[in-house]
Amino acid sequence: MNYEHFGNLLQELRIKYHMSREKLAQNICTPKQIYRIERGDSEPSIYLLHQLSIKFNLDLNEYYKMHFTSNTIAGLEGIKTINAALESGDMTLLNSLVYKYEKQEEFKKGSNLQHIYYGKALCSALLDKDYKTSLDYCFKGIQVEYPEFNISKIDKNTYSNVGIALLNCISQNYFAMNQYNNGMKVLFELLNVLETYVLTSPYPMFQASQFSKKIYQAVLCNISASLLDNGEIENALDYVEKGIQFSIKENNLRFLPDLLLMKFKIFYYKKNYEVAKEYYNRTIYLYKIINKENKISELEKSSKAEYPEIFTE
């Protein structure tokens, strides 16, 4: 059946399952929001789509993407090129792509608009060192899918892949602005979101994606790094070990070298130089396996200055 808007489908499902608007809205939104969506006066947020999916045991997220969003060729190609720039870490290219696509109609709402905000957030932080502006873009990006978002209740909600990436970016901006407590709060609550709603979701339609697994490793690495910077060496070791074991279990090498590098730094600060050198060598070896020659040269150059003890006989 063809639907004029998503609300038509939602109303049909609600009636099929013999649910009033009040019952459907319970614990997730107001009956008035359900009424407005059913009339076509507003569109559901990604958070609300997730919660409605759980109520019906049906993946409304994918259905919504397929039938009620504008996935034009230009939009799909734009996301593909933006993601490629993100993957390569080419911020100059990303900046030019964001400038190009933000003017296009396909990037005025939804996930596409989130990609624009995420790109702007990264470029503001990494190119301009303007962490306050970057933080603002991060908040705008998450509010596309969850308008009521604020950092006081991060782990009470679910997020899209872009939303999760934006949360990680928020934490790094707080650290760059010397707001350690806020940075750690965001990281720990993001970790809880991943462990509660993503990696061990009881709902079959929400199985963890490869992206979610990668960001989980990155979050554990970031938590460990922040704890180490704050002098909490044993706690840092616990979280980095957790990340390493997860990487091995999932057979995912993407962040394993970075996690091993963190373990090297931790043992160096513990003045256990023999073990530190072992993890340093493992890190170099893994960078070679995943063809990160640039990482090897950077590490070798910086380590001789910062960690001289591992190079003494």
Protein backbone atom coordinates (compact mmCIF):
# COMPACT_ATOMS: atom_id res chain seq x y z
CA MET A 1 0.00 0.00 0.00
CA ASN A 2 1.21 3.53 -0.79
CA TYR A 3 1.11 6.08 2.01
CA GLU A 4 0.96 9.84 1.57
CA HIS A 5 3.09 10.33 4.66
CA PHE A 6 4.52 8.30 7.54
CA GLY A 7 1.58 9.15 9.78
CA ASN A 8 -0.73 7.07 7.57
CA LEU A 9 1.40 3.99 8.24
CA LEU A 10 1.67 4.76 11.95
CA GLN A 11 -2.09 5.12 12.30
CA GLU A 12 -2.68 1.86 10.44
CA LEU A 13 -0.24 0.01 12.71
CA ARG A 14 -1.74 1.54 15.84
CA ILE A 15 -5.25 0.46 14.86
CA LYS A 16 -4.04 -3.00 13.81
CA TYR A 17 -2.47 -3.53 17.24
CA HIS A 18 -5.58 -2.12 19.01
CA MET A 19 -3.66 0.70 20.64
CA SER A 20 -4.95 4.13 21.60
CA ARG A 21 -2.71 7.13 21.02
CA GLU A 22 -2.25 7.34 24.78
CA LYS A 23 -1.05 3.74 25.00
CA LEU A 24 1.27 4.08 22.02
CA ALA A 25 2.76 7.30 23.42
CA GLN A 26 3.30 5.86 26.92
CA ASN A 27 6.89 6.37 28.13
CA ILE A 28 8.13 7.67 24.77
CA CYS A 29 6.29 10.90 23.88
CA THR A 30 2.95 12.66 24.27
CA PRO A 31 -0.33 11.56 22.64
CA LYS A 32 -0.36 14.96 20.95
CA GLN A 33 2.92 14.12 19.18
CA ILE A 34 1.40 10.87 17.88
CA TYR A 35 -1.66 12.82 16.70
CA ARG A 36 0.47 15.38 14.84
CA ILE A 37 2.53 12.64 13.14
CA GLU A 38 -0.60 10.75 12.11
CA ARG A 39 -2.03 13.92 10.57
CA GLY A 40 1.20 14.52 8.68
CA ASP A 41 1.83 17.79 10.52
CA SER A 42 5.26 16.64 11.79
CA GLU A 43 7.82 13.93 11.15
CA PRO A 44 9.14 11.53 13.82
CA SER A 45 12.64 11.95 15.21
CA ILE A 46 15.08 9.05 14.92
CA TYR A 47 14.74 8.53 18.67
CA LEU A 48 10.96 8.27 18.36
CA LEU A 49 11.23 5.92 15.37
CA HIS A 50 13.43 3.63 17.44
CA GLN A 51 10.98 3.60 20.35
CA LEU A 52 7.99 3.01 18.07
CA SER A 53 9.89 0.15 16.42
CA ILE A 54 10.27 -1.51 19.81
CA LYS A 55 6.54 -1.08 20.54
CA PHE A 56 5.57 -2.77 17.27
CA ASN A 57 8.59 -5.14 17.05
CA LEU A 58 9.07 -3.81 13.53
CA ASP A 59 12.03 -1.83 12.14
CA LEU A 60 10.31 1.45 11.31
CA ASN A 61 13.71 3.16 10.94
CA GLU A 62 14.52 1.29 7.72
CA TYR A 63 10.94 1.58 6.45
CA TYR A 64 11.03 5.32 7.04
CA LYS A 65 14.34 5.68 5.20
CA MET A 66 13.07 3.67 2.24
CA HIS A 67 9.69 5.31 1.77
CA PHE A 68 9.60 8.70 3.46
CA THR A 69 12.97 10.34 2.93
CA SER A 70 14.51 11.88 -0.14
CA ASN A 71 17.29 9.46 -1.10
CA THR A 72 18.09 11.04 -4.46
CA ILE A 73 21.14 10.12 -6.52
CA ALA A 74 22.74 13.45 -5.61
CA GLY A 75 22.07 12.85 -1.92
CA LEU A 76 23.45 9.32 -1.94
CA GLU A 77 26.56 10.36 -3.88
CA GLY A 78 27.10 13.29 -1.51
CA ILE A 79 26.96 11.06 1.58
CA LYS A 80 29.31 8.58 -0.09
CA THR A 81 31.94 11.25 -0.81
CA ILE A 82 31.57 12.83 2.65
CA ASN A 83 32.01 9.43 4.32
CA ALA A 84 35.08 8.73 2.16
CA ALA A 85 36.64 12.01 3.32
CA LEU A 86 35.80 11.14 6.94
CA GLU A 87 37.35 7.69 6.54
CA SER A 88 40.57 9.11 5.10
CA GLY A 89 40.76 11.91 7.67
CA ASP A 90 41.16 14.53 4.93
CA MET A 91 39.70 17.57 6.69
CA THR A 92 40.49 19.96 3.86
CA LEU A 93 38.51 17.82 1.43
CA LEU A 94 35.72 17.38 3.98
CA ASN A 95 35.49 21.14 4.44
CA SER A 96 35.07 21.69 0.69
CA LEU A 97 32.46 18.91 0.45
CA VAL A 98 30.41 20.34 3.32
CA TYR A 99 30.49 23.77 1.66
CA LYS A 100 29.35 22.18 -1.62
CA TYR A 101 26.53 20.00 -0.32
CA GLU A 102 25.03 22.17 2.40
CA LYS A 103 23.50 24.35 -0.34
CA GLN A 104 21.63 21.43 -1.89
CA GLU A 105 18.02 20.66 -1.02
CA GLU A 106 18.82 17.01 -0.24
CA PHE A 107 20.98 18.14 2.69
CA LYS A 108 18.45 20.38 4.42
CA LYS A 109 17.03 17.72 6.78
CA GLY A 110 17.41 14.30 8.32
CA SER A 111 20.56 12.18 8.25
CA ASN A 112 22.00 14.20 5.36
CA LEU A 113 21.78 17.40 7.41
CA GLN A 114 23.42 15.58 10.33
CA HIS A 115 26.37 14.71 8.08
CA ILE A 116 26.73 18.41 7.26
CA TYR A 117 26.76 19.36 10.95
CA TYR A 118 29.20 16.55 11.77
CA GLY A 119 31.53 17.68 8.98
CA LYS A 120 31.35 21.28 10.19
CA ALA A 121 32.01 20.18 13.76
CA LEU A 122 35.14 18.24 12.78
CA CYS A 123 36.47 20.99 10.54
CA SER A 124 35.88 23.65 13.21
CA ALA A 125 37.78 21.57 15.77
CA LEU A 126 40.60 20.13 13.67
CA LEU A 127 41.20 22.92 11.15
CA ASP A 128 40.22 26.06 13.07
CA LYS A 129 40.77 24.85 16.65
CA ASP A 130 37.41 26.51 17.40
CA TYR A 131 36.02 23.99 19.87
CA LYS A 132 33.08 26.12 21.01
CA THR A 133 31.76 26.40 17.46
CA SER A 134 32.40 22.70 16.92
CA LEU A 135 30.40 21.91 20.06
CA ASP A 136 27.53 24.03 18.78
CA TYR A 137 27.47 22.11 15.49
CA CYS A 138 27.50 18.82 17.41
CA PHE A 139 24.44 19.83 19.42
CA LYS A 140 22.61 21.00 16.30
CA GLY A 141 23.40 17.70 14.61
CA ILE A 142 22.02 15.55 17.43
CA GLN A 143 18.96 17.79 17.79
CA VAL A 144 18.04 16.91 14.19
CA GLU A 145 17.11 13.44 15.46
CA TYR A 146 16.35 14.27 19.08
CA PRO A 147 15.17 17.90 19.48
CA GLU A 148 15.09 17.74 23.31
CA PHE A 149 18.70 16.57 23.58
CA ASN A 150 20.94 17.85 26.35
CA ILE A 151 23.91 16.30 28.14
CA SER A 152 22.03 15.79 31.41
CA LYS A 153 20.26 12.65 30.10
CA ILE A 154 22.39 11.21 27.30
CA ASP A 155 22.15 7.54 28.29
CA LYS A 156 18.36 7.54 28.51
CA ASN A 157 18.01 7.60 24.73
CA THR A 158 19.06 5.78 21.58
CA TYR A 159 20.86 7.42 18.65
CA SER A 160 21.64 6.93 14.99
CA ASN A 161 25.20 6.18 13.84
CA VAL A 162 25.74 9.87 13.10
CA GLY A 163 24.30 10.79 16.49
CA ILE A 164 26.76 8.43 18.20
CA ALA A 165 29.66 9.96 16.25
CA LEU A 166 28.49 13.44 17.24
CA LEU A 167 28.39 12.43 20.93
CA ASN A 168 31.98 11.22 20.68
CA CYS A 169 32.89 14.54 19.06
CA ILE A 170 31.16 16.44 21.89
CA SER A 171 33.33 14.67 24.46
CA GLN A 172 36.55 15.55 22.62
CA ASN A 173 35.50 19.20 22.36
CA TYR A 174 34.94 19.35 26.12
CA PHE A 175 38.41 17.91 26.73
CA ALA A 176 39.93 20.44 24.31
CA MET A 177 38.13 23.20 26.26
CA ASN A 178 39.59 21.83 29.55
CA GLN A 179 36.16 20.72 30.75
CA TYR A 180 37.30 17.29 31.95
CA ASN A 181 34.18 16.41 33.95
CA ASN A 182 31.82 17.15 31.06
CA GLY A 183 34.03 15.23 28.67
CA MET A 184 34.13 12.15 30.90
CA LYS A 185 30.38 12.34 31.57
CA VAL A 186 29.63 12.26 27.85
CA LEU A 187 32.08 9.41 27.21
CA PHE A 188 30.79 7.21 30.03
CA GLU A 189 27.15 7.81 29.12
CA LEU A 190 27.91 7.12 25.45
CA LEU A 191 29.59 3.90 26.55
CA ASN A 192 26.42 2.99 28.45
CA VAL A 193 24.28 3.72 25.38
CA LEU A 194 26.44 1.44 23.26
CA GLU A 195 26.52 -1.38 25.79
CA THR A 196 22.82 -1.16 26.71
CA TYR A 197 21.03 -0.32 23.47
CA VAL A 198 23.41 -1.25 20.67
CA LEU A 199 25.89 -4.04 21.35
CA THR A 200 23.52 -6.13 23.46
CA SER A 201 20.15 -4.97 22.16
CA PRO A 202 17.38 -7.50 22.94
CA TYR A 203 15.55 -6.42 19.79
CA PRO A 204 16.49 -8.32 16.60
CA MET A 205 15.96 -5.29 14.37
CA PHE A 206 18.70 -3.38 16.18
CA GLN A 207 21.74 -5.60 15.84
CA ALA A 208 25.05 -3.80 16.21
CA SER A 209 26.55 -2.52 12.96
CA GLN A 210 30.26 -2.55 12.14
CA PHE A 211 30.23 1.21 12.71
CA SER A 212 28.84 0.75 16.24
CA LYS A 213 31.57 -1.77 17.04
CA LYS A 214 34.27 0.58 15.75
CA ILE A 215 32.96 3.55 17.69
CA TYR A 216 32.78 1.37 20.82
CA GLN A 217 36.50 0.66 20.48
CA ALA A 218 37.18 4.36 19.89
CA VAL A 219 35.19 5.35 23.00
CA LEU A 220 37.09 2.86 25.18
CA CYS A 221 40.36 4.19 23.78
CA ASN A 222 39.30 7.79 24.45
CA ILE A 223 38.21 6.96 28.01
CA SER A 224 41.54 5.26 28.68
CA ALA A 225 43.50 8.22 27.25
CA SER A 226 41.55 10.72 29.34
CA LEU A 227 41.97 8.68 32.52
CA LEU A 228 45.71 8.40 31.87
CA ASP A 229 45.97 12.15 31.33
CA ASN A 230 44.24 12.59 34.69
CA GLY A 231 46.69 10.25 36.41
CA GLU A 232 44.19 7.38 36.89
CA ILE A 233 46.59 4.77 35.52
CA GLU A 234 44.94 1.55 36.76
CA ASN A 235 41.48 2.64 35.60
CA ALA A 236 42.98 3.57 32.23
CA LEU A 237 44.48 0.07 31.98
CA ASP A 238 41.11 -1.56 32.73
CA TYR A 239 39.32 0.28 29.91
CA VAL A 240 42.05 -0.19 27.32
CA GLU A 241 42.17 -3.92 28.13
CA LYS A 242 38.41 -4.07 27.68
CA GLY A 243 38.81 -2.50 24.24
CA ILE A 244 41.61 -4.90 23.26
CA GLN A 245 39.61 -7.97 24.26
CA PHE A 246 36.58 -6.69 22.32
CA SER A 247 38.74 -6.07 19.24
CA ILE A 248 40.15 -9.59 19.38
CA LYS A 249 36.72 -11.14 19.93
CA GLU A 250 35.25 -9.26 16.96
CA ASN A 251 38.37 -9.84 14.83
CA ASN A 252 38.44 -6.10 14.16
CA LEU A 253 41.89 -4.62 13.62
CA ARG A 254 40.75 -1.05 12.95
CA PHE A 255 41.36 0.33 16.46
CA LEU A 256 43.48 -2.47 17.89
CA PRO A 257 46.80 -0.69 17.12
CA ASP A 258 45.54 2.49 18.83
CA LEU A 259 44.45 0.46 21.86
CA LEU A 260 47.82 -1.31 22.02
CA LEU A 261 49.51 2.08 21.74
CA MET A 262 47.50 3.24 24.76
CA LYS A 263 48.63 0.14 26.67
CA PHE A 264 52.23 0.95 25.75
CA LYS A 265 51.83 4.47 27.15
CA ILE A 266 50.22 3.17 30.34
CA PHE A 267 53.05 0.73 31.06
CA TYR A 268 55.58 3.43 30.24
CA TYR A 269 54.03 5.72 32.84
CA LYS A 270 54.10 2.76 35.28
CA LYS A 271 57.85 2.67 34.50
CA ASN A 272 57.58 -0.91 33.32
CA TYR A 273 59.72 -0.21 30.28
CA GLU A 274 60.22 -3.83 29.24
CA VAL A 275 56.47 -4.48 28.89
CA ALA A 276 55.99 -1.02 27.37
CA LYS A 277 58.53 -1.83 24.65
CA GLU A 278 56.72 -5.09 23.92
CA TYR A 279 53.45 -3.23 23.26
CA TYR A 280 55.28 -0.58 21.26
CA ASN A 281 56.61 -3.30 18.94
CA ARG A 282 53.17 -4.92 18.67
CA THR A 283 51.70 -1.56 17.70
CA ILE A 284 54.29 -1.04 14.95
CA TYR A 285 53.65 -4.57 13.67
CA LEU A 286 49.87 -4.05 13.48
CA TYR A 287 50.22 -0.68 11.74
CA LYS A 288 52.25 -2.53 9.09
CA ILE A 289 49.54 -5.17 8.70
CA ILE A 290 46.81 -2.56 8.12
CA ASN A 291 49.06 -0.48 5.84
CA LYS A 292 49.35 2.58 8.08
CA GLU A 293 52.92 3.47 7.19
CA ASN A 294 52.29 7.13 7.99
CA LYS A 295 51.30 6.15 11.54
CA ILE A 296 54.55 4.21 11.93
CA SER A 297 56.76 7.14 10.95
CA GLU A 298 54.82 9.51 13.24
CA LEU A 299 55.04 7.07 16.15
CA GLU A 300 58.75 6.37 15.71
CA LYS A 301 59.57 10.06 15.53
CA SER A 302 57.50 11.11 18.55
CA SER A 303 58.41 8.11 20.72
CA LYS A 304 62.15 8.76 20.63
CA ALA A 305 61.53 12.19 22.14
CA GLU A 306 58.68 11.33 24.53
CA TYR A 307 59.49 7.76 25.56
CA PRO A 308 63.30 7.47 25.41
CA GLU A 309 63.59 4.67 27.97
CA ILE A 310 62.31 2.00 25.58
CA PHE A 311 65.18 2.70 23.19
CA THR A 312 67.95 2.18 25.74
CA GLU A 313 69.69 -1.19 25.85
